[in-house]
Amino acid sequence: MQAQLAELQAKLKQAEAERRRHDEEHARFDAEKHKWEGERQKLAAGPCARCRGKDLSVQPPPPSPAPKVPPLPTSSTKKEHKEPAKTPLTARSAAPKLVGVGVRLTDLYPHCVAEFVRGGPAHKSGKIQVGDHLLAVDGEDIQKLAIAQIAAKIVGPEGSTLHLKFSRGHGAEASEFEIDLVRGSTGGNSTS
């Protein structure tokens, strides 16, 4: 009888500990849900005050002028100096236009899709949704990178292909998917 009572008490303690773990997990999920509700309300209000009215397109840096280097004296005579024949400068091709895929990510980890640029490659694909977590860019894990580093990986020459890996959902319902997008004009001011 004593053994059965001890066994029942042990099971009761185990059930109480499991219930506490469940309550703690439930509280974490509620906090995360509250956080996402706040994000959703911010998105419904439009762009943040910091970004409103700003041109966020990425421009290539201006070409730097070539440094002027004086010619070296010839070995035959150091006093005599002849100017080398001038060759006409050839025009350099313009730097390629840098564009993204028309998606804005949250600034903090986990980096989630916050909004799309209408008509951009991500919006046209129809496969990416607001709230999807970006996991990798061109096969490289980006989860621990700053948003500026991620944007630099997403932005590239117009017409080039970008391979993205996303996660959708939470916990047991989470699923991962990958998509190839062609960088293109987004028709708006977006950095990625």
C-alpha atoms as a PDB file:
ATOM      1  CA  MET A   1       0.000   0.000   0.000  1.00  0.00           C
ATOM      2  CA  GLN A   2       2.862   2.373   0.916  1.00  0.00           C
ATOM      3  CA  ALA A   3       4.549   1.678  -2.441  1.00  0.00           C
ATOM      4  CA  GLN A   4       1.364   2.490  -4.372  1.00  0.00           C
ATOM      5  CA  LEU A   5       0.962   5.762  -2.467  1.00  0.00           C
ATOM      6  CA  ALA A   6       4.590   6.768  -3.239  1.00  0.00           C
ATOM      7  CA  GLU A   7       4.076   5.886  -6.906  1.00  0.00           C
ATOM      8  CA  LEU A   8       0.898   8.004  -7.110  1.00  0.00           C
ATOM      9  CA  GLN A   9       2.655  10.948  -5.422  1.00  0.00           C
ATOM     10  CA  ALA A  10       5.522  10.720  -7.933  1.00  0.00           C
ATOM     11  CA  LYS A  11       3.048  10.717 -10.834  1.00  0.00           C
ATOM     12  CA  LEU A  12       1.254  13.713  -9.340  1.00  0.00           C
ATOM     13  CA  LYS A  13       4.540  15.669  -9.059  1.00  0.00           C
ATOM     14  CA  GLN A  14       5.409  14.779 -12.646  1.00  0.00           C
ATOM     15  CA  ALA A  15       1.977  15.944 -13.872  1.00  0.00           C
ATOM     16  CA  GLU A  16       2.316  19.220 -11.923  1.00  0.00           C
ATOM     17  CA  ALA A  17       5.777  19.866 -13.437  1.00  0.00           C
ATOM     18  CA  GLU A  18       4.435  19.152 -16.934  1.00  0.00           C
ATOM     19  CA  ARG A  19       1.513  21.530 -16.313  1.00  0.00           C
ATOM     20  CA  ARG A  20       3.947  24.298 -15.216  1.00  0.00           C
ATOM     21  CA  ARG A  21       6.037  23.779 -18.392  1.00  0.00           C
ATOM     22  CA  HIS A  22       2.871  23.944 -20.479  1.00  0.00           C
ATOM     23  CA  ASP A  23       1.746  27.172 -18.754  1.00  0.00           C
ATOM     24  CA  GLU A  24       5.184  28.765 -19.294  1.00  0.00           C
ATOM     25  CA  GLU A  25       5.185  27.811 -22.976  1.00  0.00           C
ATOM     26  CA  HIS A  26       1.657  29.153 -23.361  1.00  0.00           C
ATOM     27  CA  ALA A  27       2.740  32.465 -21.788  1.00  0.00           C
ATOM     28  CA  ARG A  28       5.693  32.678 -24.247  1.00  0.00           C
ATOM     29  CA  PHE A  29       3.374  32.083 -27.202  1.00  0.00           C
ATOM     30  CA  ASP A  30       0.956  34.743 -25.922  1.00  0.00           C
ATOM     31  CA  ALA A  31       3.823  37.251 -25.614  1.00  0.00           C
ATOM     32  CA  GLU A  32       4.982  36.474 -29.157  1.00  0.00           C
ATOM     33  CA  LYS A  33       1.420  36.757 -30.460  1.00  0.00           C
ATOM     34  CA  HIS A  34       1.104  40.163 -28.767  1.00  0.00           C
ATOM     35  CA  LYS A  35       4.392  41.271 -30.371  1.00  0.00           C
ATOM     36  CA  TRP A  36       3.172  40.226 -33.849  1.00  0.00           C
ATOM     37  CA  GLU A  37      -0.147  41.980 -33.342  1.00  0.00           C
ATOM     38  CA  GLY A  38       1.829  45.176 -32.661  1.00  0.00           C
ATOM     39  CA  GLU A  39       3.853  44.638 -35.867  1.00  0.00           C
ATOM     40  CA  ARG A  40       0.655  44.038 -37.827  1.00  0.00           C
ATOM     41  CA  GLN A  41      -0.840  47.298 -36.520  1.00  0.00           C
ATOM     42  CA  LYS A  42       2.325  49.190 -37.471  1.00  0.00           C
ATOM     43  CA  LEU A  43       2.154  47.753 -41.009  1.00  0.00           C
ATOM     44  CA  ALA A  44      -1.488  48.719 -41.325  1.00  0.00           C
ATOM     45  CA  ALA A  45      -0.507  52.322 -40.489  1.00  0.00           C
ATOM     46  CA  GLY A  46       1.940  52.444 -43.419  1.00  0.00           C
ATOM     47  CA  PRO A  47       5.693  53.044 -43.579  1.00  0.00           C
ATOM     48  CA  CYS A  48       7.457  54.023 -40.383  1.00  0.00           C
ATOM     49  CA  ALA A  49       8.194  57.691 -39.705  1.00  0.00           C
ATOM     50  CA  ARG A  50      11.889  57.102 -40.371  1.00  0.00           C
ATOM     51  CA  CYS A  51      11.196  55.776 -43.908  1.00  0.00           C
ATOM     52  CA  ARG A  52       8.171  57.892 -44.884  1.00  0.00           C
ATOM     53  CA  GLY A  53       8.984  60.209 -47.788  1.00  0.00           C
ATOM     54  CA  LYS A  54      12.607  59.097 -48.151  1.00  0.00           C
ATOM     55  CA  ASP A  55      14.272  57.785 -51.265  1.00  0.00           C
ATOM     56  CA  LEU A  56      15.522  54.374 -50.135  1.00  0.00           C
ATOM     57  CA  SER A  57      16.880  53.225 -53.482  1.00  0.00           C
ATOM     58  CA  VAL A  58      20.510  52.116 -53.535  1.00  0.00           C
ATOM     59  CA  GLN A  59      22.780  54.110 -55.826  1.00  0.00           C
ATOM     60  CA  PRO A  60      26.210  52.894 -56.933  1.00  0.00           C
ATOM     61  CA  PRO A  61      29.077  55.017 -55.624  1.00  0.00           C
ATOM     62  CA  PRO A  62      30.432  57.642 -58.044  1.00  0.00           C
ATOM     63  CA  PRO A  63      33.578  56.544 -59.896  1.00  0.00           C
ATOM     64  CA  SER A  64      36.727  57.844 -58.268  1.00  0.00           C
ATOM     65  CA  PRO A  65      39.140  59.792 -60.494  1.00  0.00           C
ATOM     66  CA  ALA A  66      42.361  58.039 -61.420  1.00  0.00           C
ATOM     67  CA  PRO A  67      45.328  59.320 -59.398  1.00  0.00           C
ATOM     68  CA  LYS A  68      47.926  61.359 -61.302  1.00  0.00           C
ATOM     69  CA  VAL A  69      51.343  59.737 -61.104  1.00  0.00           C
ATOM     70  CA  PRO A  70      54.382  61.597 -62.515  1.00  0.00           C
ATOM     71  CA  PRO A  71      56.389  59.592 -65.054  1.00  0.00           C
ATOM     72  CA  LEU A  72      59.696  58.075 -63.934  1.00  0.00           C
ATOM     73  CA  PRO A  73      62.953  59.378 -65.444  1.00  0.00           C
ATOM     74  CA  THR A  74      64.630  57.133 -68.007  1.00  0.00           C
ATOM     75  CA  SER A  75      67.799  55.260 -67.120  1.00  0.00           C
ATOM     76  CA  SER A  76      69.912  56.858 -69.912  1.00  0.00           C
ATOM     77  CA  THR A  77      69.814  60.359 -68.531  1.00  0.00           C
ATOM     78  CA  LYS A  78      68.189  61.604 -65.395  1.00  0.00           C
ATOM     79  CA  LYS A  79      68.067  65.249 -66.505  1.00  0.00           C
ATOM     80  CA  GLU A  80      66.244  64.550 -69.710  1.00  0.00           C
ATOM     81  CA  HIS A  81      62.567  63.925 -69.227  1.00  0.00           C
ATOM     82  CA  LYS A  82      60.099  63.133 -71.950  1.00  0.00           C
ATOM     83  CA  GLU A  83      56.376  63.146 -71.477  1.00  0.00           C
ATOM     84  CA  PRO A  84      54.863  59.791 -72.453  1.00  0.00           C
ATOM     85  CA  ALA A  85      52.547  59.845 -75.420  1.00  0.00           C
ATOM     86  CA  LYS A  86      49.008  60.596 -74.340  1.00  0.00           C
ATOM     87  CA  THR A  87      46.428  58.020 -75.248  1.00  0.00           C
ATOM     88  CA  PRO A  88      42.793  58.996 -75.450  1.00  0.00           C
ATOM     89  CA  LEU A  89      40.680  57.820 -72.541  1.00  0.00           C
ATOM     90  CA  THR A  90      38.071  55.278 -73.415  1.00  0.00           C
ATOM     91  CA  ALA A  91      34.608  55.616 -71.991  1.00  0.00           C
ATOM     92  CA  ARG A  92      33.845  53.207 -69.172  1.00  0.00           C
ATOM     93  CA  SER A  93      30.585  51.376 -69.262  1.00  0.00           C
ATOM     94  CA  ALA A  94      28.079  52.617 -66.707  1.00  0.00           C
ATOM     95  CA  ALA A  95      27.803  50.697 -63.467  1.00  0.00           C
ATOM     96  CA  PRO A  96      24.897  48.241 -63.480  1.00  0.00           C
ATOM     97  CA  LYS A  97      21.699  49.413 -61.841  1.00  0.00           C
ATOM     98  CA  LEU A  98      21.375  47.791 -58.422  1.00  0.00           C
ATOM     99  CA  VAL A  99      17.899  46.548 -57.523  1.00  0.00           C
ATOM    100  CA  GLY A 100      16.254  44.105 -55.142  1.00  0.00           C
ATOM    101  CA  VAL A 101      13.105  42.007 -55.189  1.00  0.00           C
ATOM    102  CA  GLY A 102      10.655  44.484 -53.636  1.00  0.00           C
ATOM    103  CA  VAL A 103      10.370  43.252 -50.076  1.00  0.00           C
ATOM    104  CA  ARG A 104      10.949  45.019 -46.743  1.00  0.00           C
ATOM    105  CA  LEU A 105      12.125  42.957 -43.762  1.00  0.00           C
ATOM    106  CA  THR A 106      11.828  43.655 -40.054  1.00  0.00           C
ATOM    107  CA  ASP A 107      14.966  45.275 -38.628  1.00  0.00           C
ATOM    108  CA  LEU A 108      15.415  42.827 -35.746  1.00  0.00           C
ATOM    109  CA  TYR A 109      15.842  39.054 -35.614  1.00  0.00           C
ATOM    110  CA  PRO A 110      13.924  37.044 -36.699  1.00  0.00           C
ATOM    111  CA  HIS A 111      13.943  38.926 -40.012  1.00  0.00           C
ATOM    112  CA  CYS A 112      10.397  38.597 -41.332  1.00  0.00           C
ATOM    113  CA  VAL A 113       8.692  39.983 -44.412  1.00  0.00           C
ATOM    114  CA  ALA A 114       7.035  43.217 -43.277  1.00  0.00           C
ATOM    115  CA  GLU A 115       5.664  44.479 -46.596  1.00  0.00           C
ATOM    116  CA  PHE A 116       5.959  44.256 -50.388  1.00  0.00           C
ATOM    117  CA  VAL A 117       6.443  46.789 -53.127  1.00  0.00           C
ATOM    118  CA  ARG A 118       3.432  46.359 -55.410  1.00  0.00           C
ATOM    119  CA  GLY A 119       4.514  44.971 -58.756  1.00  0.00           C
ATOM    120  CA  GLY A 120       7.944  43.918 -57.474  1.00  0.00           C
ATOM    121  CA  PRO A 121       9.320  40.404 -58.104  1.00  0.00           C
ATOM    122  CA  ALA A 122       8.394  39.133 -54.611  1.00  0.00           C
ATOM    123  CA  HIS A 123       4.826  40.469 -54.898  1.00  0.00           C
ATOM    124  CA  LYS A 124       4.405  39.053 -58.420  1.00  0.00           C
ATOM    125  CA  SER A 125       5.576  35.585 -57.321  1.00  0.00           C
ATOM    126  CA  GLY A 126       2.545  35.197 -55.038  1.00  0.00           C
ATOM    127  CA  LYS A 127       4.464  32.660 -52.932  1.00  0.00           C
ATOM    128  CA  ILE A 128       5.868  34.903 -50.189  1.00  0.00           C
ATOM    129  CA  GLN A 129       3.595  36.219 -47.439  1.00  0.00           C
ATOM    130  CA  VAL A 130       3.923  38.946 -44.824  1.00  0.00           C
ATOM    131  CA  GLY A 131       5.295  37.268 -41.678  1.00  0.00           C
ATOM    132  CA  ASP A 132       7.466  34.682 -43.489  1.00  0.00           C
ATOM    133  CA  HIS A 133      10.918  34.375 -41.843  1.00  0.00           C
ATOM    134  CA  LEU A 134      13.912  34.786 -44.172  1.00  0.00           C
ATOM    135  CA  LEU A 135      16.430  32.022 -43.392  1.00  0.00           C
ATOM    136  CA  ALA A 136      19.003  32.139 -46.215  1.00  0.00           C
ATOM    137  CA  VAL A 137      20.077  34.173 -49.256  1.00  0.00           C
ATOM    138  CA  ASP A 138      21.800  32.283 -52.078  1.00  0.00           C
ATOM    139  CA  GLY A 139      22.390  29.339 -49.717  1.00  0.00           C
ATOM    140  CA  GLU A 140      24.014  31.450 -46.980  1.00  0.00           C
ATOM    141  CA  ASP A 141      22.384  31.500 -43.535  1.00  0.00           C
ATOM    142  CA  ILE A 142      21.468  35.124 -42.720  1.00  0.00           C
ATOM    143  CA  GLN A 143      19.678  34.689 -39.402  1.00  0.00           C
ATOM    144  CA  LYS A 144      22.468  36.252 -37.325  1.00  0.00           C
ATOM    145  CA  LEU A 145      23.280  39.083 -39.745  1.00  0.00           C
ATOM    146  CA  ALA A 146      22.270  42.718 -39.343  1.00  0.00           C
ATOM    147  CA  ILE A 147      19.542  44.019 -41.642  1.00  0.00           C
ATOM    148  CA  ALA A 148      22.070  46.138 -43.612  1.00  0.00           C
ATOM    149  CA  GLN A 149      24.170  43.027 -44.346  1.00  0.00           C
ATOM    150  CA  ILE A 150      21.072  41.140 -45.499  1.00  0.00           C
ATOM    151  CA  ALA A 151      19.998  44.024 -47.751  1.00  0.00           C
ATOM    152  CA  ALA A 152      23.485  44.065 -49.311  1.00  0.00           C
ATOM    153  CA  LYS A 153      23.087  40.364 -50.179  1.00  0.00           C
ATOM    154  CA  ILE A 154      19.597  40.833 -51.649  1.00  0.00           C
ATOM    155  CA  VAL A 155      20.420  43.898 -53.756  1.00  0.00           C
ATOM    156  CA  GLY A 156      22.288  43.217 -56.991  1.00  0.00           C
ATOM    157  CA  PRO A 157      22.395  43.822 -60.742  1.00  0.00           C
ATOM    158  CA  GLU A 158      19.022  44.019 -62.448  1.00  0.00           C
ATOM    159  CA  GLY A 159      18.095  40.727 -64.118  1.00  0.00           C
ATOM    160  CA  SER A 160      20.267  38.538 -61.878  1.00  0.00           C
ATOM    161  CA  THR A 161      18.709  35.605 -59.992  1.00  0.00           C
ATOM    162  CA  LEU A 162      18.373  35.444 -56.223  1.00  0.00           C
ATOM    163  CA  HIS A 163      17.702  32.214 -54.291  1.00  0.00           C
ATOM    164  CA  LEU A 164      15.811  32.746 -51.006  1.00  0.00           C
ATOM    165  CA  LYS A 165      14.844  30.294 -48.259  1.00  0.00           C
ATOM    166  CA  PHE A 166      11.908  31.094 -45.949  1.00  0.00           C
ATOM    167  CA  SER A 167      10.105  29.552 -42.993  1.00  0.00           C
ATOM    168  CA  ARG A 168       6.354  29.972 -42.490  1.00  0.00           C
ATOM    169  CA  GLY A 169       4.437  29.258 -39.303  1.00  0.00           C
ATOM    170  CA  HIS A 170       5.549  28.334 -35.788  1.00  0.00           C
ATOM    171  CA  GLY A 171       6.320  25.153 -33.872  1.00  0.00           C
ATOM    172  CA  ALA A 172       4.926  21.948 -35.327  1.00  0.00           C
ATOM    173  CA  GLU A 173       3.103  23.922 -38.043  1.00  0.00           C
ATOM    174  CA  ALA A 174       6.321  25.536 -39.375  1.00  0.00           C
ATOM    175  CA  SER A 175       7.335  24.708 -42.920  1.00  0.00           C
ATOM    176  CA  GLU A 176      10.282  25.823 -45.043  1.00  0.00           C
ATOM    177  CA  PHE A 177      10.246  26.713 -48.716  1.00  0.00           C
ATOM    178  CA  GLU A 178      12.701  28.082 -51.267  1.00  0.00           C
ATOM    179  CA  ILE A 179      12.137  30.420 -54.179  1.00  0.00           C
ATOM    180  CA  ASP A 180      14.204  31.880 -57.026  1.00  0.00           C
ATOM    181  CA  LEU A 181      13.436  35.501 -57.912  1.00  0.00           C
ATOM    182  CA  VAL A 182      14.884  37.693 -60.645  1.00  0.00           C
ATOM    183  CA  ARG A 183      16.008  41.049 -59.337  1.00  0.00           C
ATOM    184  CA  GLY A 184      14.072  43.739 -61.112  1.00  0.00           C
ATOM    185  CA  SER A 185      12.642  47.187 -61.015  1.00  0.00           C
ATOM    186  CA  THR A 186      10.193  47.438 -58.175  1.00  0.00           C
ATOM    187  CA  GLY A 187       8.588  50.665 -59.268  1.00  0.00           C
ATOM    188  CA  GLY A 188       9.017  52.026 -55.738  1.00  0.00           C
ATOM    189  CA  ASN A 189      11.668  52.993 -53.238  1.00  0.00           C
ATOM    190  CA  SER A 190      12.866  49.761 -51.658  1.00  0.00           C
ATOM    191  CA  THR A 191      16.298  48.689 -50.550  1.00  0.00           C
ATOM    192  CA  SER A 192      15.779  44.987 -50.996  1.00  0.00           C
END
